[in-house]
Protein backbone atom coordinates (compact mmCIF):
# COMPACT_ATOMS: atom_id res chain seq x y z
CA MET A 1 7.42 1.65 -13.36
CA LEU A 2 6.48 1.78 -17.05
CA ILE A 3 4.31 -1.32 -16.72
CA ARG A 4 2.50 0.15 -13.70
CA TYR A 5 1.90 3.42 -15.57
CA ALA A 6 0.54 1.58 -18.61
CA ARG A 7 -1.69 -0.57 -16.43
CA THR A 8 -3.07 2.42 -14.53
CA THR A 9 -3.63 4.42 -17.72
CA SER A 10 -5.42 1.54 -19.43
CA ALA A 11 -7.68 0.99 -16.43
CA ALA A 12 -8.48 4.72 -16.31
CA VAL A 13 -9.42 4.72 -20.01
CA VAL A 14 -11.73 1.71 -19.58
CA ALA A 15 -13.28 3.33 -16.49
CA GLY A 16 -13.81 6.59 -18.38
CA VAL A 17 -15.58 4.88 -21.28
CA ALA A 18 -17.75 2.92 -18.84
CA ALA A 19 -18.60 6.09 -16.90
CA VAL A 20 -19.65 8.01 -20.02
CA ALA A 21 -21.82 5.15 -21.29
CA SER A 22 -23.30 4.49 -17.86
CA TYR A 23 -24.03 8.16 -17.20
CA SER A 24 -25.93 8.84 -20.40
CA HIS A 25 -27.90 5.58 -20.37
CA MET A 26 -28.78 5.75 -16.67
CA ARG A 27 -29.79 9.41 -16.90
CA ASP A 28 -32.05 8.78 -19.90
CA LEU A 29 -33.57 5.70 -18.26
CA ALA A 30 -34.31 7.56 -15.01
CA ALA A 31 -35.88 10.48 -16.92
CA GLU A 32 -38.06 8.13 -18.98
CA HIS A 33 -39.37 6.50 -15.81
CA GLY A 34 -40.62 9.66 -14.16
CA GLN A 35 -37.60 10.86 -12.17
CA SER A 36 -37.01 14.59 -11.88
CA PRO A 37 -34.25 16.12 -14.02
CA LEU A 38 -32.13 16.68 -10.91
CA LEU A 39 -32.39 13.09 -9.74
CA ALA A 40 -31.93 11.76 -13.27
CA ASN A 41 -28.63 13.67 -13.46
CA LEU A 42 -27.46 12.67 -9.96
CA LEU A 43 -28.37 8.97 -10.05
CA PRO A 44 -25.54 7.96 -12.41
CA ILE A 45 -23.04 9.89 -10.25
CA SER A 46 -24.02 7.83 -7.20
CA VAL A 47 -23.40 4.60 -9.10
CA ASP A 48 -20.11 5.73 -10.65
CA GLY A 49 -19.01 7.22 -7.33
CA MET A 50 -19.59 3.91 -5.59
CA LEU A 51 -17.54 2.17 -8.28
CA ILE A 52 -14.66 4.62 -7.79
CA VAL A 53 -14.65 4.23 -4.00
CA ALA A 54 -14.85 0.43 -4.21
CA SER A 55 -12.00 0.37 -6.74
CA ALA A 56 -9.84 2.59 -4.52
CA VAL A 57 -10.49 0.43 -1.45
CA MET A 58 -9.60 -2.74 -3.36
CA ALA A 59 -6.42 -1.11 -4.66
CA ASP A 60 -5.44 0.00 -1.14
CA ASP A 61 -6.01 -3.49 0.24
CA ARG A 62 -3.83 -5.00 -2.48
CA ALA A 63 -1.09 -2.40 -1.97
CA ASP A 64 -1.02 -3.12 1.78
CA GLY A 65 -0.88 -6.89 1.24
CA ARG A 66 -4.31 -7.48 2.78
CA PRO A 67 -7.11 -9.61 1.33
CA VAL A 68 -9.58 -7.43 -0.55
CA ARG A 69 -12.53 -6.53 1.66
CA LEU A 70 -15.78 -8.29 0.84
CA SER A 71 -17.74 -5.04 1.19
CA ALA A 72 -15.60 -3.43 -1.51
CA ARG A 73 -16.05 -6.37 -3.89
CA VAL A 74 -19.82 -6.48 -3.30
CA SER A 75 -20.16 -2.71 -3.78
CA PHE A 76 -18.19 -2.85 -7.00
CA VAL A 77 -20.18 -5.78 -8.43
CA VAL A 78 -23.50 -4.14 -7.47
CA GLY A 79 -22.43 -0.91 -9.17
CA VAL A 80 -21.36 -2.72 -12.33
CA VAL A 81 -24.57 -4.77 -12.43
CA ALA A 82 -26.64 -1.58 -12.05
CA SER A 83 -24.66 0.01 -14.88
CA ILE A 84 -25.06 -3.03 -17.13
CA VAL A 85 -28.81 -3.23 -16.48
CA ALA A 86 -29.25 0.49 -17.21
CA ASN A 87 -27.17 0.24 -20.38
CA VAL A 88 -29.13 -2.78 -21.63
CA LEU A 89 -32.55 -1.28 -20.81
CA ALA A 90 -31.66 2.01 -22.50
CA ALA A 91 -30.45 0.29 -25.68
CA PRO A 92 -32.70 -0.40 -28.67
CA PRO A 93 -34.50 -3.78 -28.48
CA ASP A 94 -31.88 -5.50 -30.56
CA PRO A 95 -29.47 -8.18 -29.21
CA VAL A 96 -26.40 -6.62 -30.85
CA ALA A 97 -27.26 -3.13 -29.59
CA ARG A 98 -27.76 -4.46 -26.06
CA VAL A 99 -24.44 -6.31 -26.09
CA ILE A 100 -22.68 -3.16 -27.29
CA SER A 101 -24.36 -1.10 -24.56
CA ALA A 102 -23.46 -3.60 -21.85
CA TRP A 103 -19.83 -3.96 -22.95
CA PRO A 104 -18.22 -0.86 -21.29
CA ALA A 105 -19.48 -1.77 -17.81
CA LEU A 106 -18.56 -5.43 -18.29
CA ALA A 107 -15.07 -4.45 -19.48
CA LEU A 108 -14.64 -2.31 -16.36
CA LEU A 109 -15.63 -5.24 -14.15
CA LEU A 110 -13.13 -7.55 -15.84
CA VAL A 111 -10.29 -4.99 -15.77
CA VAL A 112 -10.72 -4.19 -12.07
CA GLU A 113 -11.05 -7.89 -11.25
CA MET A 114 -7.76 -8.55 -13.02
CA LEU A 115 -6.03 -5.71 -11.16
CA SER A 116 -7.39 -6.67 -7.73
CA GLY A 117 -7.57 -10.44 -8.09
CA GLY A 118 -5.04 -13.11 -7.26
CA PRO A 119 -3.39 -13.96 -3.99
CA ALA A 120 -2.21 -11.05 -1.92
CA ARG A 121 1.52 -10.65 -1.81
CA VAL A 122 2.90 -9.88 1.63
CA SER A 123 6.38 -8.45 1.66
CA HIS A 124 8.69 -9.92 4.28
CA PRO A 125 11.64 -7.94 5.60
CA ARG A 126 14.90 -9.22 4.22
CA ARG A 127 17.64 -10.16 6.60
CA SER A 128 20.62 -7.92 6.09
CA ALA A 129 24.01 -9.57 5.86
CA ALA A 130 26.84 -8.41 8.08
CA PRO A 131 28.84 -5.57 6.46
CA VAL A 132 32.00 -6.59 4.67
CA GLY A 133 34.96 -6.55 7.01
CA VAL A 134 32.89 -6.88 10.19
CA THR A 135 33.34 -10.22 11.92
CA PRO A 136 30.21 -11.49 13.66
CA THR A 137 30.77 -11.81 17.39
CA THR A 138 29.39 -14.31 19.84
CA ASP A 139 30.40 -12.28 22.88
CA PRO A 140 27.82 -12.13 25.68
CA PRO A 141 25.50 -9.12 25.58
CA ASP A 142 26.44 -6.05 27.53
CA LYS A 143 24.81 -6.08 30.96
CA THR A 144 25.19 -2.33 31.50
CA PRO A 145 21.85 -0.67 32.27
CA PRO A 146 20.55 1.35 29.34
CA THR A 147 20.45 4.63 31.24
CA SER A 148 22.49 6.22 33.96
CA ASN A 149 21.54 8.67 36.68
CA GLY A 150 19.52 11.57 35.40
CA GLY A 151 18.08 9.62 32.51
CA ARG A 152 21.12 10.20 30.26
CA PRO A 153 21.97 7.13 28.14
CA SER A 154 24.79 5.07 29.61
CA ALA A 155 28.16 4.76 27.93
CA ALA A 156 27.23 1.27 26.73
CA ALA A 157 24.00 2.55 25.19
CA ARG A 158 25.79 5.42 23.47
CA VAL A 159 28.48 3.09 22.11
CA LEU A 160 25.84 0.66 20.86
CA ALA A 161 23.89 3.49 19.23
CA ALA A 162 27.01 4.77 17.48
CA ARG A 163 27.87 1.26 16.27
CA THR A 164 24.29 0.73 15.04
CA ALA A 165 24.30 4.07 13.21
CA ASP A 166 27.55 3.24 11.41
CA PRO A 167 28.50 -0.49 11.52
CA ASP A 168 31.66 0.19 9.49
CA ALA A 169 33.01 2.88 11.83
CA THR A 170 36.34 2.38 13.58
CA VAL A 171 36.60 2.13 17.34
CA ALA A 172 38.00 5.67 17.45
CA ASP A 173 35.05 7.01 15.44
CA ILE A 174 32.55 5.19 17.66
CA ALA A 175 34.28 6.51 20.79
CA ARG A 176 34.16 10.06 19.46
CA GLN A 177 30.46 9.79 18.53
CA ALA A 178 29.56 8.25 21.90
CA GLY A 179 31.68 10.75 23.86
CA VAL A 180 33.78 8.06 25.56
CA SER A 181 37.40 6.96 25.46
CA ASP A 182 38.69 4.42 22.97
CA ARG A 183 39.15 1.91 25.79
CA THR A 184 35.55 2.33 26.94
CA ALA A 185 34.25 1.96 23.42
CA ARG A 186 36.37 -1.15 22.84
CA ARG A 187 35.26 -2.64 26.16
CA HIS A 188 31.57 -2.28 25.32
CA LEU A 189 32.05 -3.44 21.75
CA ASN A 190 33.95 -6.56 22.78
CA GLY A 191 31.80 -7.32 25.80
CA THR A 192 34.88 -7.47 28.11
CA SER A 193 35.69 -5.50 31.21
CA LEU A 194 38.87 -3.59 31.86
CA ALA A 195 40.83 -4.14 34.98
CA PRO A 196 40.06 -1.79 37.85
CA GLY A 197 41.82 1.51 37.63
CA HIS A 198 41.73 1.71 33.80
């Protein structure tokens, strides 16, 4: 839990730095190239918004054990490239200044790639062991129909449901929960039939 919190916080900090740098550089660049003040202010939001959506989609895919969607990866890379280009073009014509300007967006790309990369892990349901004290049975399955007249669950179905709800319950407890006698419960649990008249 602590590692996940630290990872999420670190990624948010890197994304925040990249967003601030990208916003100011992209806004200034758009204004210098004849865009209206409104568009110059909105253009960086469209790029950063696309980065946020792509990051969220990639995170959802990873959390669900699916391969990351190509559209999300492409959208994220395009957004980062646009941010890097804007940062570099807005920087002074000096190699060091351009590297510094490009760094926040590049760091964001690398951080998100680390968080979303690698093979997807698919969780498989674990087989539960038989409860302690319960002996596995190889008796034939109960042939009693699942429902009786009127749609009410049959005695066998009620006994099975009670046993499933509480595998450690005694025969008396199962009989009480299913609304049947102890003999009926034992008969359905053991897969044997009582003699006629019982």
